């Protein structure tokens, strides 16, 4: 047990020395790690474009090789003599004599009655659709005209109310200006009479006592 403990202590001391080794944390190791990171970033940025350029070049090479091989095959086929062929001219599927008069081309024959009926039906459907669209458009136009007329009525009513308010404001402003002018004139007249009374010997105290004596005698 003591030996195992000593070995464990030695291992711990070795790991501590390895961790605190200045060579592992030196500038060289830091430069190496930074270089590896920069190389990885450059590969991540430049790698995809290079890969796609390489694939395009490879596709162009394969296309040129395929075209050259096709041209060589065509030239060799032109140089080869025609092959003899002894094929039977009889068709693989024979139609019985009873059905030989019936052909599938009859299905696509132009039948005047049927085509006229279908054309009439199509024209009627289109005319009905147009009538419905016209009626819907007329209804929408009618609603829009009614809404516009109502809006015009409301606008005219508001305009009348606004004109009334403006005229009332103008009247009030004129009355206020007249009242201010009358007040200023009254103040001037009062000041003039007060000045004349003071020139003749009138005083505030004398006027007050005289008025009080008159009130008591009455």
N, C-alpha and C. Protein backbone atom coordinates (compact mmCIF):
# COMPACT_ATOMS: atom_id res chain seq x y z
N UNK A 1 0.82 -1.21 0.00
CA UNK A 1 0.00 0.00 0.00
C UNK A 1 0.86 1.27 0.00
N UNK A 2 1.90 1.25 0.78
CA UNK A 2 2.78 2.42 0.81
C UNK A 2 3.42 2.65 -0.55
N UNK A 3 3.78 1.56 -1.23
CA UNK A 3 4.37 1.71 -2.57
C UNK A 3 3.34 2.30 -3.55
N UNK A 4 2.11 1.83 -3.44
CA UNK A 4 1.07 2.37 -4.33
C UNK A 4 0.84 3.85 -4.06
N UNK A 5 0.86 4.22 -2.78
CA UNK A 5 0.71 5.63 -2.44
C UNK A 5 1.86 6.46 -2.99
N UNK A 6 3.08 5.92 -2.87
CA UNK A 6 4.24 6.64 -3.41
C UNK A 6 4.13 6.80 -4.92
N UNK A 7 3.68 5.73 -5.58
CA UNK A 7 3.52 5.81 -7.05
C UNK A 7 2.46 6.86 -7.43
N UNK A 8 1.37 6.88 -6.69
CA UNK A 8 0.33 7.87 -6.98
C UNK A 8 0.85 9.29 -6.77
N UNK A 9 1.64 9.46 -5.69
CA UNK A 9 2.23 10.78 -5.45
C UNK A 9 3.18 11.17 -6.57
N UNK A 10 3.98 10.20 -7.04
CA UNK A 10 4.89 10.49 -8.15
C UNK A 10 4.12 10.87 -9.42
N UNK A 11 3.03 10.16 -9.68
CA UNK A 11 2.22 10.47 -10.87
C UNK A 11 1.62 11.87 -10.76
N UNK A 12 1.12 12.20 -9.55
CA UNK A 12 0.54 13.53 -9.37
C UNK A 12 1.59 14.62 -9.54
N UNK A 13 2.78 14.38 -9.02
CA UNK A 13 3.85 15.37 -9.18
C UNK A 13 4.25 15.52 -10.65
N UNK A 14 4.27 14.39 -11.38
CA UNK A 14 4.62 14.46 -12.81
C UNK A 14 3.57 15.23 -13.61
N UNK A 15 2.28 14.95 -13.30
CA UNK A 15 1.23 15.69 -14.01
C UNK A 15 1.25 17.17 -13.68
N UNK A 16 1.53 17.52 -12.40
CA UNK A 16 1.62 18.92 -12.02
C UNK A 16 2.77 19.60 -12.73
N UNK A 17 3.90 18.89 -12.85
CA UNK A 17 5.05 19.47 -13.55
C UNK A 17 4.75 19.64 -15.04
N UNK A 18 3.99 18.66 -15.58
CA UNK A 18 3.66 18.77 -17.01
C UNK A 18 2.71 19.93 -17.27
N UNK A 19 1.78 20.15 -16.32
CA UNK A 19 0.84 21.25 -16.50
C UNK A 19 1.53 22.59 -16.36
N UNK A 20 2.42 22.70 -15.38
CA UNK A 20 3.12 23.97 -15.12
C UNK A 20 4.41 24.09 -15.90
N UNK A 21 4.59 23.24 -16.91
CA UNK A 21 5.81 23.31 -17.71
C UNK A 21 5.79 24.57 -18.57
N UNK A 22 6.78 25.45 -18.48
CA UNK A 22 6.76 26.68 -19.28
C UNK A 22 6.89 26.44 -20.76
N UNK A 23 7.41 25.26 -21.17
CA UNK A 23 7.56 25.01 -22.60
C UNK A 23 6.22 24.84 -23.30
N UNK A 24 5.20 24.30 -22.54
CA UNK A 24 3.88 24.11 -23.15
C UNK A 24 3.14 25.43 -23.31
N UNK A 25 3.44 26.42 -22.47
CA UNK A 25 2.78 27.72 -22.55
C UNK A 25 3.67 28.79 -23.17
N UNK A 26 4.67 28.39 -23.89
CA UNK A 26 5.59 29.34 -24.47
C UNK A 26 5.04 30.01 -25.71
N UNK A 27 5.77 31.00 -26.28
CA UNK A 27 5.31 31.70 -27.49
C UNK A 27 5.28 30.81 -28.71
N UNK A 28 6.15 29.81 -28.75
CA UNK A 28 6.14 28.91 -29.91
C UNK A 28 4.85 28.11 -30.01
N UNK A 29 4.41 27.60 -28.86
CA UNK A 29 3.16 26.83 -28.86
C UNK A 29 1.98 27.74 -29.21
N UNK A 30 2.00 28.97 -28.69
CA UNK A 30 0.93 29.91 -29.00
C UNK A 30 0.89 30.25 -30.48
N UNK A 31 2.08 30.46 -31.08
CA UNK A 31 2.13 30.75 -32.51
C UNK A 31 1.62 29.56 -33.32
N UNK A 32 1.98 28.36 -32.87
CA UNK A 32 1.54 27.16 -33.59
C UNK A 32 0.02 27.03 -33.55
N UNK A 33 -0.57 27.26 -32.38
CA UNK A 33 -2.03 27.16 -32.29
C UNK A 33 -2.72 28.24 -33.12
N UNK A 34 -2.17 29.47 -33.07
CA UNK A 34 -2.74 30.54 -33.89
C UNK A 34 -2.63 30.23 -35.38
N UNK A 35 -1.49 29.65 -35.78
CA UNK A 35 -1.33 29.27 -37.18
C UNK A 35 -2.32 28.20 -37.60
N UNK A 36 -2.54 27.21 -36.71
CA UNK A 36 -3.52 26.17 -37.04
C UNK A 36 -4.93 26.75 -37.16
N UNK A 37 -5.28 27.67 -36.25
CA UNK A 37 -6.60 28.31 -36.32
C UNK A 37 -6.76 29.11 -37.61
N UNK A 38 -5.71 29.88 -37.98
CA UNK A 38 -5.77 30.66 -39.21
C UNK A 38 -5.88 29.76 -40.44
N UNK A 39 -5.14 28.65 -40.42
CA UNK A 39 -5.22 27.71 -41.55
C UNK A 39 -6.62 27.11 -41.67
N UNK A 40 -7.22 26.76 -40.54
CA UNK A 40 -8.58 26.21 -40.57
C UNK A 40 -9.59 27.23 -41.10
N UNK A 41 -9.45 28.48 -40.66
CA UNK A 41 -10.37 29.53 -41.14
C UNK A 41 -10.20 29.75 -42.63
N UNK A 42 -8.94 29.80 -43.10
CA UNK A 42 -8.70 29.99 -44.53
C UNK A 42 -9.26 28.83 -45.34
N UNK A 43 -9.08 27.61 -44.83
CA UNK A 43 -9.65 26.46 -45.54
C UNK A 43 -11.16 26.50 -45.57
N UNK A 44 -11.77 26.97 -44.48
CA UNK A 44 -13.24 27.06 -44.44
C UNK A 44 -13.76 28.11 -45.41
N UNK A 45 -12.97 29.20 -45.61
CA UNK A 45 -13.41 30.26 -46.52
C UNK A 45 -13.11 29.92 -47.97
N UNK A 46 -11.91 29.43 -48.24
CA UNK A 46 -11.47 29.22 -49.62
C UNK A 46 -11.83 27.83 -50.12
N UNK A 47 -12.12 26.89 -49.23
CA UNK A 47 -12.37 25.51 -49.65
C UNK A 47 -13.56 25.33 -50.57
N UNK A 48 -14.75 25.82 -50.21
CA UNK A 48 -15.92 25.60 -51.09
C UNK A 48 -15.77 26.15 -52.50
N UNK A 49 -15.25 27.42 -52.70
CA UNK A 49 -15.07 27.86 -54.09
C UNK A 49 -14.11 26.99 -54.88
N UNK A 50 -13.01 26.59 -54.24
CA UNK A 50 -12.06 25.70 -54.94
C UNK A 50 -12.71 24.37 -55.30
N UNK A 51 -13.53 23.86 -54.39
CA UNK A 51 -14.19 22.58 -54.66
C UNK A 51 -15.13 22.70 -55.85
N UNK A 52 -15.90 23.82 -55.89
CA UNK A 52 -16.84 23.98 -57.00
C UNK A 52 -16.10 24.21 -58.32
N UNK A 53 -14.99 24.96 -58.30
CA UNK A 53 -14.20 25.13 -59.52
C UNK A 53 -13.64 23.79 -60.00
N UNK A 54 -13.19 22.99 -59.06
CA UNK A 54 -12.66 21.67 -59.43
C UNK A 54 -13.75 20.80 -60.04
N UNK A 55 -14.96 20.84 -59.43
CA UNK A 55 -16.06 20.03 -59.97
C UNK A 55 -16.49 20.52 -61.36
N UNK A 56 -16.49 21.85 -61.57
CA UNK A 56 -16.83 22.36 -62.90
C UNK A 56 -15.80 21.94 -63.94
N UNK A 57 -14.52 22.02 -63.59
CA UNK A 57 -13.49 21.56 -64.51
C UNK A 57 -13.61 20.08 -64.82
N UNK A 58 -13.90 19.29 -63.79
CA UNK A 58 -14.07 17.85 -64.00
C UNK A 58 -15.27 17.57 -64.90
N UNK A 59 -16.38 18.33 -64.70
CA UNK A 59 -17.55 18.13 -65.55
C UNK A 59 -17.26 18.53 -66.99
N UNK A 60 -16.49 19.62 -67.18
CA UNK A 60 -16.13 20.02 -68.54
C UNK A 60 -15.27 18.97 -69.22
N UNK A 61 -14.33 18.40 -68.45
CA UNK A 61 -13.46 17.36 -69.03
C UNK A 61 -14.26 16.14 -69.42
N UNK A 62 -15.18 15.72 -68.54
CA UNK A 62 -16.00 14.54 -68.85
C UNK A 62 -16.92 14.82 -70.04
N UNK A 63 -17.45 16.06 -70.13
CA UNK A 63 -18.31 16.39 -71.27
C UNK A 63 -17.54 16.36 -72.57
N UNK A 64 -16.32 16.93 -72.55
CA UNK A 64 -15.50 16.92 -73.77
C UNK A 64 -15.13 15.50 -74.17
N UNK A 65 -14.83 14.67 -73.16
CA UNK A 65 -14.48 13.27 -73.48
C UNK A 65 -15.69 12.53 -74.04
N UNK A 66 -16.89 12.80 -73.49
CA UNK A 66 -18.09 12.13 -74.00
C UNK A 66 -18.41 12.58 -75.41
N UNK A 67 -18.25 13.91 -75.68
CA UNK A 67 -18.51 14.39 -77.04
C UNK A 67 -17.51 13.82 -78.03
N UNK A 68 -16.25 13.71 -77.60
CA UNK A 68 -15.25 13.13 -78.50
C UNK A 68 -15.55 11.66 -78.77
N UNK A 69 -15.98 10.93 -77.73
CA UNK A 69 -16.32 9.52 -77.94
C UNK A 69 -17.55 9.38 -78.82
N UNK A 70 -18.53 10.30 -78.66
CA UNK A 70 -19.72 10.24 -79.51
C UNK A 70 -19.38 10.55 -80.95
N UNK A 71 -18.49 11.53 -81.15
CA UNK A 71 -18.08 11.84 -82.53
C UNK A 71 -17.32 10.69 -83.15
N UNK A 72 -16.48 10.03 -82.34
CA UNK A 72 -15.75 8.87 -82.88
C UNK A 72 -16.70 7.74 -83.22
N UNK A 73 -17.73 7.54 -82.37
CA UNK A 73 -18.71 6.49 -82.66
C UNK A 73 -19.51 6.81 -83.92
N UNK A 74 -19.88 8.10 -84.09
CA UNK A 74 -20.63 8.47 -85.29
C UNK A 74 -19.79 8.30 -86.54
N UNK A 75 -18.50 8.65 -86.43
CA UNK A 75 -17.62 8.46 -87.59
C UNK A 75 -17.44 6.99 -87.91
N UNK A 76 -17.32 6.17 -86.86
CA UNK A 76 -17.17 4.72 -87.11
C UNK A 76 -18.45 4.13 -87.68
N UNK A 77 -19.63 4.64 -87.22
CA UNK A 77 -20.89 4.14 -87.77
C UNK A 77 -21.07 4.56 -89.22
N UNK A 78 -20.56 5.78 -89.55
CA UNK A 78 -20.64 6.20 -90.95
C UNK A 78 -19.74 5.33 -91.83
N UNK A 79 -18.65 4.92 -91.28
CA UNK A 79 -17.74 4.10 -92.08
C UNK A 79 -18.22 2.66 -92.21
N UNK A 80 -19.09 2.20 -91.27
CA UNK A 80 -19.56 0.81 -91.32
C UNK A 80 -20.58 0.64 -92.46
N UNK A 81 -20.61 -0.48 -93.11
CA UNK A 81 -21.61 -0.73 -94.17
C UNK A 81 -22.97 -1.00 -93.55
N UNK A 82 -24.07 -0.79 -94.32
CA UNK A 82 -25.41 -1.06 -93.78
C UNK A 82 -25.62 -2.53 -93.52
N UNK A 83 -26.34 -2.82 -92.42
CA UNK A 83 -26.58 -4.21 -92.04
C UNK A 83 -27.77 -4.76 -92.83
N UNK A 84 -27.69 -5.96 -93.31
CA UNK A 84 -28.84 -6.57 -94.02
C UNK A 84 -29.92 -6.93 -93.02
N UNK A 85 -31.19 -6.63 -93.37
CA UNK A 85 -32.32 -6.89 -92.48
C UNK A 85 -33.42 -7.55 -93.28
N UNK A 86 -33.82 -8.74 -92.89
CA UNK A 86 -34.90 -9.48 -93.54
C UNK A 86 -36.08 -9.57 -92.58
N UNK A 87 -36.71 -8.43 -92.32
CA UNK A 87 -37.84 -8.39 -91.38
C UNK A 87 -39.14 -8.61 -92.13
N UNK A 88 -40.09 -9.20 -91.45
CA UNK A 88 -41.39 -9.44 -92.04
C UNK A 88 -42.20 -8.15 -92.02
N UNK A 89 -42.83 -7.82 -93.14
CA UNK A 89 -43.59 -6.57 -93.25
C UNK A 89 -44.97 -6.67 -92.66
N UNK A 90 -45.40 -7.85 -92.21
CA UNK A 90 -46.74 -8.01 -91.65
C UNK A 90 -46.81 -7.37 -90.28
N UNK A 91 -47.93 -6.74 -89.94
CA UNK A 91 -48.05 -6.11 -88.61
C UNK A 91 -48.17 -7.16 -87.53
N UNK A 92 -47.78 -6.77 -86.34
CA UNK A 92 -47.85 -7.70 -85.22
C UNK A 92 -49.29 -7.92 -84.78
N UNK A 93 -50.14 -6.91 -84.88
CA UNK A 93 -51.53 -7.01 -84.45
C UNK A 93 -52.43 -6.82 -85.67
N UNK A 94 -53.24 -7.81 -85.95
CA UNK A 94 -54.15 -7.74 -87.10
C UNK A 94 -55.56 -7.52 -86.62
N UNK A 95 -56.29 -6.68 -87.35
CA UNK A 95 -57.68 -6.36 -87.02
C UNK A 95 -58.59 -7.30 -87.78
N UNK A 96 -59.61 -7.87 -87.14
CA UNK A 96 -60.54 -8.75 -87.87
C UNK A 96 -61.28 -8.00 -88.96
N UNK A 97 -61.82 -8.82 -89.92
CA UNK A 97 -62.51 -8.21 -91.06
C UNK A 97 -63.79 -7.51 -90.63
N UNK A 98 -64.45 -8.00 -89.59
CA UNK A 98 -65.68 -7.36 -89.15
C UNK A 98 -65.48 -5.99 -88.56
N UNK A 99 -64.30 -5.81 -88.00
CA UNK A 99 -63.99 -4.51 -87.38
C UNK A 99 -63.12 -3.62 -88.23
N UNK A 100 -62.84 -4.10 -89.42
CA UNK A 100 -61.95 -3.31 -90.26
C UNK A 100 -62.59 -2.02 -90.75
N UNK A 101 -63.93 -2.01 -90.89
CA UNK A 101 -64.61 -0.80 -91.35
C UNK A 101 -64.66 0.28 -90.27
N UNK A 102 -64.55 -0.13 -88.99
CA UNK A 102 -64.61 0.83 -87.89
C UNK A 102 -63.20 1.31 -87.59
N UNK A 103 -63.01 2.56 -87.55
CA UNK A 103 -61.70 3.12 -87.25
C UNK A 103 -61.84 4.08 -86.07
N UNK A 104 -60.75 4.19 -85.39
CA UNK A 104 -60.76 5.09 -84.24
C UNK A 104 -60.75 6.55 -84.65
N UNK A 105 -60.50 6.78 -85.90
CA UNK A 105 -60.51 8.18 -86.36
C UNK A 105 -61.90 8.76 -86.39
N UNK A 106 -62.96 7.86 -86.38
CA UNK A 106 -64.33 8.36 -86.39
C UNK A 106 -64.65 9.15 -85.12
N UNK A 107 -63.94 8.84 -84.05
CA UNK A 107 -64.22 9.55 -82.78
C UNK A 107 -63.86 11.02 -82.88
N UNK A 108 -62.90 11.32 -83.71
CA UNK A 108 -62.44 12.70 -83.82
C UNK A 108 -63.01 13.43 -85.01
N UNK A 109 -64.02 12.85 -85.65
CA UNK A 109 -64.63 13.53 -86.78
C UNK A 109 -65.41 14.74 -86.29
N UNK A 110 -65.51 15.70 -87.17
CA UNK A 110 -66.22 16.94 -86.84
C UNK A 110 -67.71 16.73 -87.08
N UNK A 111 -68.48 16.76 -85.99
CA UNK A 111 -69.93 16.64 -86.10
C UNK A 111 -70.54 18.03 -85.98
N UNK A 112 -71.23 18.51 -87.00
CA UNK A 112 -71.72 19.89 -86.98
C UNK A 112 -72.74 20.15 -85.89
N UNK A 113 -73.70 19.22 -85.71
CA UNK A 113 -74.75 19.44 -84.71
C UNK A 113 -74.21 19.52 -83.30
N UNK A 114 -73.34 18.57 -82.99
CA UNK A 114 -72.77 18.54 -81.63
C UNK A 114 -71.90 19.75 -81.38
N UNK A 115 -71.08 20.11 -82.35
CA UNK A 115 -70.20 21.27 -82.17
C UNK A 115 -71.00 22.56 -82.04
N UNK A 116 -72.07 22.70 -82.84
CA UNK A 116 -72.89 23.90 -82.73
C UNK A 116 -73.56 23.99 -81.36
N UNK A 117 -74.07 22.83 -80.86
CA UNK A 117 -74.71 22.85 -79.54
C UNK A 117 -73.72 23.23 -78.44
N UNK A 118 -72.55 22.64 -78.53
CA UNK A 118 -71.53 22.96 -77.52
C UNK A 118 -71.12 24.43 -77.60
N UNK A 119 -70.98 24.93 -78.82
CA UNK A 119 -70.62 26.34 -78.97
C UNK A 119 -71.71 27.25 -78.42
N UNK A 120 -72.99 26.89 -78.70
CA UNK A 120 -74.09 27.68 -78.16
C UNK A 120 -74.10 27.66 -76.64
N UNK A 121 -73.87 26.45 -76.09
CA UNK A 121 -73.84 26.36 -74.62
C UNK A 121 -72.72 27.21 -74.03
N UNK A 122 -71.58 27.15 -74.67
CA UNK A 122 -70.45 27.94 -74.18
C UNK A 122 -70.75 29.43 -74.27
N UNK A 123 -71.35 29.83 -75.41
CA UNK A 123 -71.68 31.25 -75.58
C UNK A 123 -72.71 31.70 -74.55
N UNK A 124 -73.71 30.85 -74.32
CA UNK A 124 -74.73 31.19 -73.33
C UNK A 124 -74.13 31.31 -71.93
N UNK A 125 -73.25 30.36 -71.61
CA UNK A 125 -72.61 30.42 -70.29
C UNK A 125 -71.77 31.69 -70.14
N UNK A 126 -71.04 32.02 -71.20
CA UNK A 126 -70.22 33.22 -71.14
C UNK A 126 -71.07 34.48 -71.03
N UNK A 127 -72.19 34.51 -71.79
CA UNK A 127 -73.07 35.68 -71.72
C UNK A 127 -73.69 35.82 -70.34
N UNK A 128 -74.11 34.69 -69.74
CA UNK A 128 -74.66 34.74 -68.39
C UNK A 128 -73.62 35.21 -67.38
N UNK A 129 -72.40 34.70 -67.56
CA UNK A 129 -71.32 35.14 -66.65
C UNK A 129 -71.06 36.62 -66.79
N UNK A 130 -71.07 37.12 -68.03
CA UNK A 130 -70.86 38.55 -68.24
C UNK A 130 -72.00 39.38 -67.65
N UNK A 131 -73.24 38.88 -67.81
CA UNK A 131 -74.37 39.60 -67.23
C UNK A 131 -74.27 39.66 -65.71
N UNK A 132 -73.88 38.53 -65.10
CA UNK A 132 -73.72 38.52 -63.65
C UNK A 132 -72.63 39.49 -63.21
N UNK A 133 -71.54 39.48 -63.97
CA UNK A 133 -70.45 40.40 -63.61
C UNK A 133 -70.89 41.85 -63.78
N UNK A 134 -71.64 42.14 -64.85
CA UNK A 134 -72.12 43.50 -65.06
C UNK A 134 -73.08 43.93 -63.95
N UNK A 135 -73.98 43.00 -63.56
CA UNK A 135 -74.91 43.33 -62.47
C UNK A 135 -74.17 43.57 -61.16
N UNK A 136 -73.17 42.75 -60.89
CA UNK A 136 -72.39 42.93 -59.67
C UNK A 136 -71.63 44.24 -59.70
N UNK A 137 -71.05 44.57 -60.88
CA UNK A 137 -70.33 45.84 -60.99
C UNK A 137 -71.27 47.03 -60.84
N UNK A 138 -72.50 46.90 -61.42
CA UNK A 138 -73.47 47.99 -61.28
C UNK A 138 -73.89 48.17 -59.82
N UNK A 139 -74.09 47.05 -59.12
CA UNK A 139 -74.46 47.13 -57.70
C UNK A 139 -73.35 47.77 -56.88
N UNK A 140 -72.13 47.38 -57.16
CA UNK A 140 -71.00 47.98 -56.44
C UNK A 140 -70.88 49.47 -56.74
N UNK A 141 -71.11 49.83 -58.02
CA UNK A 141 -71.05 51.25 -58.38
C UNK A 141 -72.15 52.04 -57.69
N UNK A 142 -73.35 51.43 -57.59
CA UNK A 142 -74.46 52.09 -56.92
C UNK A 142 -74.15 52.32 -55.45
N UNK A 143 -73.59 51.29 -54.80
CA UNK A 143 -73.23 51.44 -53.39
C UNK A 143 -72.16 52.51 -53.21
N UNK A 144 -71.20 52.52 -54.12
CA UNK A 144 -70.15 53.53 -54.02
C UNK A 144 -70.70 54.94 -54.21
N UNK A 145 -71.65 55.09 -55.16
CA UNK A 145 -72.26 56.41 -55.37
C UNK A 145 -73.06 56.85 -54.15
N UNK A 146 -73.80 55.91 -53.54
CA UNK A 146 -74.57 56.26 -52.34
C UNK A 146 -73.65 56.66 -51.20
N UNK A 147 -72.56 55.90 -51.04
CA UNK A 147 -71.62 56.24 -49.98
C UNK A 147 -70.98 57.60 -50.23
N UNK A 148 -70.67 57.90 -51.50
CA UNK A 148 -70.09 59.19 -51.83
C UNK A 148 -71.07 60.33 -51.58
N UNK A 149 -72.35 60.10 -51.94
CA UNK A 149 -73.37 61.13 -51.70
C UNK A 149 -73.56 61.39 -50.20
N UNK A 150 -73.58 60.31 -49.42
CA UNK A 150 -73.71 60.47 -47.97
C UNK A 150 -72.51 61.21 -47.39
N UNK A 151 -71.34 60.89 -47.90
CA UNK A 151 -70.14 61.58 -47.42
C UNK A 151 -70.19 63.06 -47.78
N UNK A 152 -70.69 63.36 -48.99
CA UNK A 152 -70.81 64.77 -49.38
C UNK A 152 -71.80 65.51 -48.48
N UNK A 153 -72.93 64.84 -48.15
CA UNK A 153 -73.91 65.47 -47.26
C UNK A 153 -73.31 65.76 -45.89
N UNK A 154 -72.64 64.78 -45.34
CA UNK A 154 -72.03 64.97 -44.01
C UNK A 154 -70.98 66.07 -44.07
N UNK A 155 -70.21 66.09 -45.16
CA UNK A 155 -69.17 67.11 -45.29
C UNK A 155 -69.78 68.51 -45.38
N UNK A 156 -70.87 68.64 -46.17
CA UNK A 156 -71.52 69.95 -46.27
C UNK A 156 -72.10 70.39 -44.93
N UNK A 157 -72.68 69.43 -44.18
CA UNK A 157 -73.22 69.77 -42.87
C UNK A 157 -72.12 70.25 -41.93
N UNK A 158 -71.02 69.51 -41.91
CA UNK A 158 -69.89 69.93 -41.08
C UNK A 158 -69.35 71.28 -41.52
N UNK A 159 -69.35 71.52 -42.84
CA UNK A 159 -68.86 72.80 -43.33
C UNK A 159 -69.75 73.95 -42.88
N UNK A 160 -71.08 73.71 -42.91
CA UNK A 160 -72.01 74.73 -42.43
C UNK A 160 -71.80 75.02 -40.95
N UNK A 161 -71.65 73.95 -40.15
CA UNK A 161 -71.40 74.15 -38.72
C UNK A 161 -70.10 74.90 -38.49
N UNK A 162 -69.09 74.57 -39.29
CA UNK A 162 -67.82 75.26 -39.14
C UNK A 162 -67.94 76.73 -39.52
N UNK A 163 -68.73 77.02 -40.58
CA UNK A 163 -68.94 78.42 -40.96
C UNK A 163 -69.67 79.19 -39.86
N UNK A 164 -70.68 78.53 -39.25
CA UNK A 164 -71.39 79.17 -38.14
C UNK A 164 -70.45 79.47 -36.98
N UNK A 165 -69.62 78.48 -36.65
CA UNK A 165 -68.67 78.70 -35.55
C UNK A 165 -67.70 79.82 -35.88
N UNK A 166 -67.25 79.87 -37.14
CA UNK A 166 -66.32 80.93 -37.52
C UNK A 166 -66.98 82.30 -37.44
N UNK A 167 -68.24 82.38 -37.92
CA UNK A 167 -68.95 83.67 -37.84
C UNK A 167 -69.19 84.08 -36.38
N UNK A 168 -69.55 83.11 -35.52
CA UNK A 168 -69.74 83.41 -34.10
C UNK A 168 -68.44 83.87 -33.45
N UNK A 169 -67.35 83.22 -33.80
CA UNK A 169 -66.05 83.63 -33.26
C UNK A 169 -65.69 85.03 -33.72
N UNK A 170 -65.97 85.34 -34.99
CA UNK A 170 -65.69 86.68 -35.48
C UNK A 170 -66.54 87.73 -34.75
N UNK A 171 -67.83 87.40 -34.52
CA UNK A 171 -68.70 88.34 -33.79
C UNK A 171 -68.21 88.56 -32.36
N UNK A 172 -67.84 87.47 -31.71
CA UNK A 172 -67.32 87.58 -30.33
C UNK A 172 -66.03 88.37 -30.30
N UNK A 173 -65.19 88.17 -31.31
CA UNK A 173 -63.93 88.90 -31.34
C UNK A 173 -64.19 90.39 -31.55
N UNK A 174 -65.14 90.71 -32.43
CA UNK A 174 -65.47 92.13 -32.64
C UNK A 174 -66.06 92.75 -31.38
N UNK A 175 -66.94 92.01 -30.68
CA UNK A 175 -67.52 92.53 -29.43
C UNK A 175 -66.45 92.73 -28.37
N UNK A 176 -65.52 91.79 -28.30
CA UNK A 176 -64.44 91.93 -27.32
C UNK A 176 -63.58 93.14 -27.63
N UNK A 177 -63.27 93.35 -28.91
CA UNK A 177 -62.46 94.51 -29.28
C UNK A 177 -63.20 95.81 -28.96
N UNK A 178 -64.54 95.84 -29.24
CA UNK A 178 -65.32 97.03 -28.91
C UNK A 178 -65.36 97.29 -27.41
N UNK A 179 -65.52 96.20 -26.62
CA UNK A 179 -65.56 96.35 -25.16
C UNK A 179 -64.22 96.85 -24.63
N UNK A 180 -63.14 96.31 -25.20
CA UNK A 180 -61.83 96.79 -24.76
C UNK A 180 -61.63 98.26 -25.11
N UNK A 181 -62.08 98.65 -26.31
CA UNK A 181 -61.95 100.06 -26.70
C UNK A 181 -62.79 100.96 -25.79
N UNK A 182 -64.03 100.52 -25.46
CA UNK A 182 -64.89 101.32 -24.57
C UNK A 182 -64.29 101.41 -23.17
N UNK A 183 -63.70 100.30 -22.71
CA UNK A 183 -63.07 100.32 -21.39
C UNK A 183 -61.89 101.27 -21.35
N UNK A 184 -61.09 101.25 -22.42
CA UNK A 184 -59.94 102.16 -22.48
C UNK A 184 -60.42 103.61 -22.49
N UNK A 185 -61.49 103.89 -23.28
CA UNK A 185 -62.02 105.26 -23.34
C UNK A 185 -62.58 105.69 -21.98
N UNK A 186 -63.28 104.77 -21.29
CA UNK A 186 -63.83 105.08 -19.97
C UNK A 186 -62.72 105.35 -18.97
N UNK A 187 -61.64 104.54 -19.06
CA UNK A 187 -60.51 104.78 -18.16
C UNK A 187 -59.88 106.14 -18.42
N UNK A 188 -59.77 106.51 -19.69
CA UNK A 188 -59.19 107.82 -20.01
C UNK A 188 -60.08 108.95 -19.48
N UNK A 189 -61.41 108.78 -19.66
CA UNK A 189 -62.34 109.81 -19.18
C UNK A 189 -62.31 109.91 -17.65
N UNK A 190 -62.24 108.77 -16.98
CA UNK A 190 -62.17 108.78 -15.52
C UNK A 190 -60.89 109.45 -15.04
N UNK A 191 -59.78 109.14 -15.72
CA UNK A 191 -58.50 109.75 -15.33
C UNK A 191 -58.54 111.26 -15.55
N UNK A 192 -59.20 111.69 -16.64
CA UNK A 192 -59.29 113.13 -16.91
C UNK A 192 -60.11 113.84 -15.83
N UNK A 193 -61.28 113.31 -15.46
CA UNK A 193 -62.11 113.93 -14.42
C UNK A 193 -61.42 113.89 -13.07
N UNK A 194 -60.70 112.80 -12.80
CA UNK A 194 -59.97 112.74 -11.52
C UNK A 194 -58.88 113.79 -11.48
N UNK A 195 -58.20 114.00 -12.62
CA UNK A 195 -57.15 115.01 -12.67
C UNK A 195 -57.73 116.41 -12.45
N UNK A 196 -58.89 116.70 -13.08
CA UNK A 196 -59.52 118.00 -12.89
C UNK A 196 -59.96 118.21 -11.43
N UNK A 197 -60.51 117.13 -10.83
CA UNK A 197 -60.95 117.25 -9.43
C UNK A 197 -59.76 117.49 -8.52
N UNK A 198 -58.65 116.85 -8.78
CA UNK A 198 -57.46 117.07 -7.94
C UNK A 198 -56.93 118.49 -8.13
N UNK A 199 -57.03 118.99 -9.34
CA UNK A 199 -56.56 120.36 -9.57
C UNK A 199 -57.40 121.36 -8.78
N UNK A 200 -58.68 121.05 -8.56
CA UNK A 200 -59.56 121.94 -7.81
C UNK A 200 -59.54 121.66 -6.31
N UNK A 201 -58.69 120.78 -5.83
CA UNK A 201 -58.53 120.55 -4.40
C UNK A 201 -59.22 119.32 -3.86
N UNK A 202 -59.65 118.49 -4.70
CA UNK A 202 -60.33 117.27 -4.22
C UNK A 202 -59.30 116.25 -3.81
N UNK A 203 -59.57 115.59 -2.66
CA UNK A 203 -58.69 114.55 -2.15
C UNK A 203 -59.52 113.32 -1.87
N UNK A 204 -58.80 112.18 -1.78
CA UNK A 204 -59.52 110.92 -1.54
C UNK A 204 -60.16 110.89 -0.15
N UNK A 205 -59.46 111.36 0.90
CA UNK A 205 -59.99 111.32 2.26
C UNK A 205 -61.17 112.26 2.43
N UNK A 206 -61.09 113.46 1.83
CA UNK A 206 -62.16 114.44 1.95
C UNK A 206 -63.42 113.93 1.29
N UNK A 207 -63.25 113.31 0.16
CA UNK A 207 -64.42 112.78 -0.55
C UNK A 207 -65.08 111.68 0.25
N UNK A 208 -64.29 110.84 0.88
CA UNK A 208 -64.84 109.73 1.64
C UNK A 208 -65.59 110.23 2.88
N UNK A 209 -65.01 111.21 3.65
CA UNK A 209 -65.67 111.72 4.87
C UNK A 209 -66.94 112.46 4.51
N UNK A 210 -66.90 113.23 3.42
CA UNK A 210 -68.11 113.95 3.01
C UNK A 210 -69.23 113.01 2.64
N UNK A 211 -68.88 111.96 1.97
CA UNK A 211 -69.90 110.99 1.57
C UNK A 211 -70.45 110.26 2.78
N UNK A 212 -69.57 109.98 3.77
CA UNK A 212 -70.05 109.31 4.99
C UNK A 212 -70.98 110.23 5.79
N UNK A 213 -70.65 111.56 5.89
CA UNK A 213 -71.51 112.48 6.64
C UNK A 213 -72.87 112.63 5.99
N UNK A 214 -72.89 112.67 4.69
CA UNK A 214 -74.17 112.75 3.97
C UNK A 214 -75.01 111.52 4.22
N UNK A 215 -74.34 110.37 4.29
CA UNK A 215 -75.08 109.13 4.53
C UNK A 215 -75.65 109.11 5.94
N UNK A 216 -74.89 109.62 6.96
CA UNK A 216 -75.39 109.62 8.33
C UNK A 216 -76.56 110.60 8.50
N UNK A 217 -76.47 111.78 7.88
CA UNK A 217 -77.56 112.76 8.01
C UNK A 217 -78.83 112.25 7.36
N UNK A 218 -78.68 111.50 6.33
CA UNK A 218 -79.85 110.95 5.67
C UNK A 218 -80.43 109.82 6.50
